[in-house]
N, C-alpha and C. Protein backbone atom coordinates (compact mmCIF):
# COMPACT_ATOMS: atom_id res chain seq x y z
N MET A 1 0.84 -1.19 0.00
CA MET A 1 0.00 0.00 0.00
C MET A 1 0.88 1.25 0.00
N THR A 2 0.38 2.27 -0.60
CA THR A 2 1.11 3.53 -0.59
C THR A 2 0.82 4.28 0.72
N PHE A 3 1.66 5.25 1.03
CA PHE A 3 1.48 6.05 2.23
C PHE A 3 0.10 6.71 2.23
N LYS A 4 -0.31 7.21 1.08
CA LYS A 4 -1.60 7.89 0.96
C LYS A 4 -2.76 6.93 1.23
N GLU A 5 -2.68 5.71 0.71
CA GLU A 5 -3.72 4.71 0.93
C GLU A 5 -3.80 4.31 2.40
N ILE A 6 -2.63 4.13 3.02
CA ILE A 6 -2.58 3.77 4.44
C ILE A 6 -3.20 4.88 5.28
N ASN A 7 -2.81 6.11 5.02
CA ASN A 7 -3.31 7.26 5.76
C ASN A 7 -4.83 7.39 5.63
N LYS A 8 -5.33 7.23 4.42
CA LYS A 8 -6.77 7.34 4.17
C LYS A 8 -7.54 6.23 4.91
N ALA A 9 -7.05 5.01 4.84
CA ALA A 9 -7.72 3.89 5.51
C ALA A 9 -7.71 4.07 7.03
N LEU A 10 -6.60 4.52 7.58
CA LEU A 10 -6.52 4.74 9.03
C LEU A 10 -7.41 5.89 9.47
N ALA A 11 -7.47 6.94 8.69
CA ALA A 11 -8.29 8.11 9.03
C ALA A 11 -9.77 7.73 9.13
N SER A 12 -10.19 6.77 8.33
CA SER A 12 -11.60 6.35 8.37
C SER A 12 -11.93 5.49 9.59
N LYS A 13 -10.90 5.08 10.34
CA LYS A 13 -11.10 4.19 11.49
C LYS A 13 -10.92 4.87 12.84
N ILE A 14 -10.70 6.18 12.84
CA ILE A 14 -10.43 6.89 14.09
C ILE A 14 -11.63 6.83 15.01
N LYS A 15 -11.37 6.43 16.24
CA LYS A 15 -12.35 6.43 17.34
C LYS A 15 -13.61 5.62 17.08
N ILE A 16 -13.51 4.60 16.26
CA ILE A 16 -14.62 3.66 16.14
C ILE A 16 -14.12 2.31 16.61
N ASP A 17 -15.00 1.52 17.13
CA ASP A 17 -14.60 0.20 17.64
C ASP A 17 -14.44 -0.77 16.48
N GLU A 18 -13.30 -0.69 15.85
CA GLU A 18 -13.00 -1.60 14.75
C GLU A 18 -11.52 -1.91 14.74
N LEU A 19 -11.21 -3.17 14.67
CA LEU A 19 -9.82 -3.60 14.69
C LEU A 19 -9.11 -3.28 13.38
N VAL A 20 -7.85 -2.95 13.52
CA VAL A 20 -6.97 -2.71 12.38
C VAL A 20 -5.67 -3.45 12.67
N GLU A 21 -5.13 -4.10 11.67
CA GLU A 21 -3.85 -4.79 11.81
C GLU A 21 -2.79 -3.95 11.10
N VAL A 22 -1.73 -3.62 11.83
CA VAL A 22 -0.69 -2.73 11.32
C VAL A 22 0.59 -3.53 11.10
N PHE A 23 1.15 -3.39 9.91
CA PHE A 23 2.39 -4.09 9.57
C PHE A 23 3.52 -3.08 9.41
N ARG A 24 4.66 -3.38 10.03
CA ARG A 24 5.88 -2.57 9.86
C ARG A 24 6.99 -3.55 9.51
N SER A 25 6.92 -4.14 8.34
CA SER A 25 7.77 -5.26 7.97
C SER A 25 9.26 -4.96 7.99
N GLU A 26 9.65 -3.71 7.85
CA GLU A 26 11.07 -3.38 7.88
C GLU A 26 11.59 -3.25 9.31
N ILE A 27 10.67 -3.20 10.29
CA ILE A 27 11.05 -3.04 11.69
C ILE A 27 10.75 -4.29 12.50
N ASP A 28 9.60 -4.90 12.24
CA ASP A 28 9.12 -6.00 13.06
C ASP A 28 8.48 -7.06 12.18
N GLU A 29 8.78 -8.32 12.45
CA GLU A 29 8.19 -9.40 11.67
C GLU A 29 6.73 -9.62 12.02
N LEU A 30 6.34 -9.25 13.24
CA LEU A 30 4.98 -9.45 13.69
C LEU A 30 4.14 -8.19 13.46
N SER A 31 2.89 -8.40 13.16
CA SER A 31 1.99 -7.26 13.00
C SER A 31 1.45 -6.87 14.38
N SER A 32 0.82 -5.71 14.45
CA SER A 32 0.19 -5.23 15.68
C SER A 32 -1.29 -5.08 15.41
N LEU A 33 -2.09 -5.40 16.40
CA LEU A 33 -3.53 -5.35 16.27
C LEU A 33 -4.09 -4.34 17.27
N GLY A 34 -5.07 -3.57 16.85
CA GLY A 34 -5.66 -2.61 17.77
C GLY A 34 -6.73 -1.78 17.10
N ASN A 35 -7.23 -0.79 17.85
CA ASN A 35 -8.17 0.15 17.26
C ASN A 35 -7.59 1.55 17.32
N VAL A 36 -7.78 2.29 16.25
CA VAL A 36 -7.17 3.60 16.07
C VAL A 36 -7.78 4.61 17.03
N VAL A 37 -6.91 5.33 17.74
CA VAL A 37 -7.35 6.36 18.68
C VAL A 37 -7.08 7.74 18.11
N MET A 38 -5.90 7.93 17.54
CA MET A 38 -5.52 9.26 17.04
C MET A 38 -4.57 9.09 15.86
N LEU A 39 -4.66 10.03 14.96
CA LEU A 39 -3.81 10.02 13.78
C LEU A 39 -3.38 11.45 13.50
N SER A 40 -2.08 11.63 13.34
CA SER A 40 -1.58 12.94 12.94
C SER A 40 -0.85 12.76 11.61
N GLN A 41 -0.17 13.78 11.15
CA GLN A 41 0.54 13.66 9.89
C GLN A 41 1.75 12.74 10.00
N GLU A 42 2.24 12.52 11.22
CA GLU A 42 3.44 11.69 11.40
C GLU A 42 3.23 10.44 12.24
N LEU A 43 2.24 10.46 13.15
CA LEU A 43 2.10 9.39 14.12
C LEU A 43 0.72 8.76 14.14
N LEU A 44 0.68 7.48 14.47
CA LEU A 44 -0.55 6.74 14.67
C LEU A 44 -0.57 6.27 16.12
N THR A 45 -1.66 6.53 16.82
CA THR A 45 -1.86 6.02 18.17
C THR A 45 -3.01 5.03 18.12
N PHE A 46 -2.77 3.83 18.64
CA PHE A 46 -3.86 2.85 18.70
C PHE A 46 -3.76 2.04 19.99
N GLN A 47 -4.93 1.53 20.41
CA GLN A 47 -4.95 0.66 21.58
C GLN A 47 -4.45 -0.70 21.12
N ASN A 48 -3.38 -1.14 21.73
CA ASN A 48 -2.76 -2.40 21.35
C ASN A 48 -3.57 -3.56 21.94
N ILE A 49 -3.86 -4.54 21.11
CA ILE A 49 -4.65 -5.69 21.55
C ILE A 49 -3.79 -6.94 21.43
N THR A 50 -3.69 -7.67 22.54
CA THR A 50 -2.93 -8.92 22.57
C THR A 50 -3.76 -9.98 23.27
N ASP A 51 -3.96 -11.11 22.62
CA ASP A 51 -4.71 -12.22 23.22
C ASP A 51 -6.05 -11.78 23.80
N PHE A 52 -6.80 -11.03 23.02
CA PHE A 52 -8.13 -10.56 23.39
C PHE A 52 -8.15 -9.67 24.63
N CYS A 53 -7.04 -8.98 24.89
CA CYS A 53 -6.97 -8.01 25.98
C CYS A 53 -6.34 -6.71 25.46
N VAL A 54 -6.90 -5.59 25.90
CA VAL A 54 -6.29 -4.31 25.56
C VAL A 54 -5.02 -4.18 26.38
N ASP A 55 -3.91 -3.99 25.70
CA ASP A 55 -2.60 -3.99 26.34
C ASP A 55 -1.94 -2.62 26.15
N GLY A 56 -2.61 -1.58 26.63
CA GLY A 56 -2.04 -0.24 26.54
C GLY A 56 -2.15 0.36 25.16
N TYR A 57 -1.35 1.36 24.93
CA TYR A 57 -1.35 2.10 23.66
C TYR A 57 -0.03 1.89 22.94
N ARG A 58 -0.08 1.95 21.63
CA ARG A 58 1.13 1.94 20.80
C ARG A 58 1.10 3.19 19.95
N ILE A 59 2.25 3.77 19.82
CA ILE A 59 2.40 4.95 18.97
C ILE A 59 3.50 4.63 17.98
N VAL A 60 3.17 4.69 16.71
CA VAL A 60 4.14 4.35 15.67
C VAL A 60 4.19 5.47 14.63
N ARG A 61 5.33 5.58 13.99
CA ARG A 61 5.47 6.55 12.92
C ARG A 61 4.75 6.03 11.68
N LEU A 62 3.99 6.89 11.05
CA LEU A 62 3.26 6.49 9.84
C LEU A 62 4.20 6.02 8.74
N LYS A 63 5.35 6.66 8.64
CA LYS A 63 6.27 6.31 7.55
C LYS A 63 6.85 4.90 7.72
N ASP A 64 6.74 4.32 8.92
CA ASP A 64 7.23 2.96 9.15
C ASP A 64 6.20 1.89 8.79
N ILE A 65 4.95 2.28 8.61
CA ILE A 65 3.89 1.32 8.30
C ILE A 65 4.00 0.92 6.83
N THR A 66 4.09 -0.37 6.60
CA THR A 66 4.22 -0.88 5.23
C THR A 66 2.89 -1.37 4.67
N ASP A 67 1.96 -1.73 5.56
CA ASP A 67 0.66 -2.23 5.12
C ASP A 67 -0.29 -2.23 6.31
N ILE A 68 -1.57 -2.22 6.02
CA ILE A 68 -2.57 -2.39 7.07
C ILE A 68 -3.65 -3.34 6.55
N SER A 69 -4.35 -3.93 7.48
CA SER A 69 -5.47 -4.78 7.14
C SER A 69 -6.67 -4.29 7.95
N THR A 70 -7.81 -4.15 7.29
CA THR A 70 -9.02 -3.67 7.96
C THR A 70 -10.11 -4.72 7.88
N CYS A 71 -11.12 -4.57 8.71
CA CYS A 71 -12.20 -5.56 8.78
C CYS A 71 -12.95 -5.72 7.47
N ASP A 72 -13.07 -4.64 6.72
CA ASP A 72 -13.81 -4.73 5.47
C ASP A 72 -13.08 -5.50 4.38
N LYS A 73 -11.79 -5.80 4.61
CA LYS A 73 -11.03 -6.54 3.59
C LYS A 73 -10.42 -7.83 4.13
N ASN A 74 -10.71 -8.17 5.39
CA ASN A 74 -10.10 -9.35 6.00
C ASN A 74 -11.15 -10.07 6.84
N ASP A 75 -11.56 -11.26 6.41
CA ASP A 75 -12.62 -12.00 7.10
C ASP A 75 -12.24 -12.40 8.52
N THR A 76 -10.99 -12.78 8.74
CA THR A 76 -10.55 -13.16 10.07
C THR A 76 -10.62 -11.98 11.02
N LEU A 77 -10.14 -10.85 10.57
CA LEU A 77 -10.19 -9.63 11.38
C LEU A 77 -11.63 -9.22 11.65
N SER A 78 -12.48 -9.36 10.66
CA SER A 78 -13.90 -9.04 10.81
C SER A 78 -14.55 -9.95 11.86
N PHE A 79 -14.19 -11.23 11.84
CA PHE A 79 -14.72 -12.18 12.83
C PHE A 79 -14.24 -11.82 14.23
N MET A 80 -12.97 -11.50 14.37
CA MET A 80 -12.43 -11.10 15.67
C MET A 80 -13.10 -9.82 16.16
N ASN A 81 -13.34 -8.89 15.25
CA ASN A 81 -14.00 -7.64 15.61
C ASN A 81 -15.41 -7.91 16.13
N MET A 82 -16.11 -8.84 15.49
CA MET A 82 -17.45 -9.21 15.92
C MET A 82 -17.42 -9.77 17.35
N ILE A 83 -16.42 -10.58 17.66
CA ILE A 83 -16.28 -11.13 19.02
C ILE A 83 -16.02 -10.01 20.01
N TYR A 84 -15.14 -9.08 19.67
CA TYR A 84 -14.85 -7.94 20.55
C TYR A 84 -16.11 -7.15 20.87
N LYS A 85 -16.91 -6.90 19.86
CA LYS A 85 -18.14 -6.14 20.09
C LYS A 85 -19.14 -6.94 20.91
N LYS A 86 -19.31 -8.20 20.56
CA LYS A 86 -20.27 -9.05 21.27
C LYS A 86 -19.90 -9.21 22.74
N GLU A 87 -18.63 -9.39 23.02
CA GLU A 87 -18.17 -9.59 24.40
C GLU A 87 -17.84 -8.27 25.11
N ARG A 88 -18.03 -7.15 24.41
CA ARG A 88 -17.76 -5.82 24.95
C ARG A 88 -16.33 -5.69 25.47
N LEU A 89 -15.40 -6.10 24.63
CA LEU A 89 -13.99 -6.06 25.00
C LEU A 89 -13.32 -4.72 24.68
N PHE A 90 -13.97 -3.92 23.84
CA PHE A 90 -13.41 -2.59 23.58
C PHE A 90 -13.64 -1.74 24.82
N PRO A 91 -12.64 -0.98 25.24
CA PRO A 91 -12.79 -0.13 26.43
C PRO A 91 -13.90 0.91 26.24
N GLU A 92 -14.61 1.19 27.32
CA GLU A 92 -15.70 2.19 27.29
C GLU A 92 -15.15 3.59 27.01
N THR A 93 -14.04 3.92 27.65
CA THR A 93 -13.45 5.24 27.47
C THR A 93 -12.02 5.10 26.99
N GLN A 94 -11.56 6.10 26.27
CA GLN A 94 -10.20 6.11 25.78
C GLN A 94 -9.46 7.32 26.34
N THR A 95 -8.22 7.12 26.68
CA THR A 95 -7.38 8.20 27.14
C THR A 95 -6.98 9.06 25.95
N PHE A 96 -7.01 10.37 26.12
CA PHE A 96 -6.58 11.25 25.04
C PHE A 96 -5.06 11.31 25.01
N ILE A 97 -4.50 11.02 23.89
CA ILE A 97 -3.06 11.13 23.68
C ILE A 97 -2.85 12.03 22.47
N ASP A 98 -2.23 13.15 22.71
CA ASP A 98 -1.97 14.11 21.64
C ASP A 98 -0.82 13.58 20.78
N ALA A 99 -1.12 13.18 19.56
CA ALA A 99 -0.12 12.56 18.70
C ALA A 99 0.39 13.49 17.60
N LYS A 100 0.34 14.79 17.84
CA LYS A 100 0.84 15.73 16.83
C LYS A 100 2.34 15.59 16.62
N SER A 101 3.04 15.29 17.70
CA SER A 101 4.50 15.11 17.63
C SER A 101 4.91 14.26 18.83
N TRP A 102 6.15 13.78 18.83
CA TRP A 102 6.63 12.99 19.97
C TRP A 102 6.62 13.83 21.23
N ASN A 103 6.96 15.11 21.10
CA ASN A 103 6.95 16.01 22.25
C ASN A 103 5.54 16.09 22.86
N ALA A 104 4.54 16.25 21.99
CA ALA A 104 3.14 16.32 22.44
C ALA A 104 2.70 15.01 23.08
N VAL A 105 3.15 13.88 22.54
CA VAL A 105 2.82 12.58 23.12
C VAL A 105 3.30 12.49 24.56
N PHE A 106 4.56 12.83 24.78
CA PHE A 106 5.13 12.72 26.12
C PHE A 106 4.46 13.68 27.10
N LYS A 107 4.10 14.87 26.64
CA LYS A 107 3.41 15.83 27.51
C LYS A 107 2.04 15.33 27.89
N SER A 108 1.32 14.70 26.95
CA SER A 108 -0.04 14.25 27.25
C SER A 108 -0.06 12.99 28.11
N LEU A 109 1.04 12.26 28.12
CA LEU A 109 1.11 11.07 28.98
C LEU A 109 1.41 11.48 30.40
């Protein structure tokens, strides 16, 4: 996917209870799963999901993302998302993390 395609797909998922799988193949062999909380021109903030538990937040540089997978294009992810909604595993409230820059991230934490 191109940077523009990734950015557009992520922007459509901000603050909705929908899982997104993020790939950074040049940095990590494993993908990250979560729901998008904030998106800036440089950074993506999402609630990290591991083994059906919300495991804090992850903040990654957009330029490091090589691909993403969304529920509308991935049946497995869509099925997992359905389980999350049915079991009410998405957190009721989200912490605001200002992701405009790394400086802003650290100040908001």
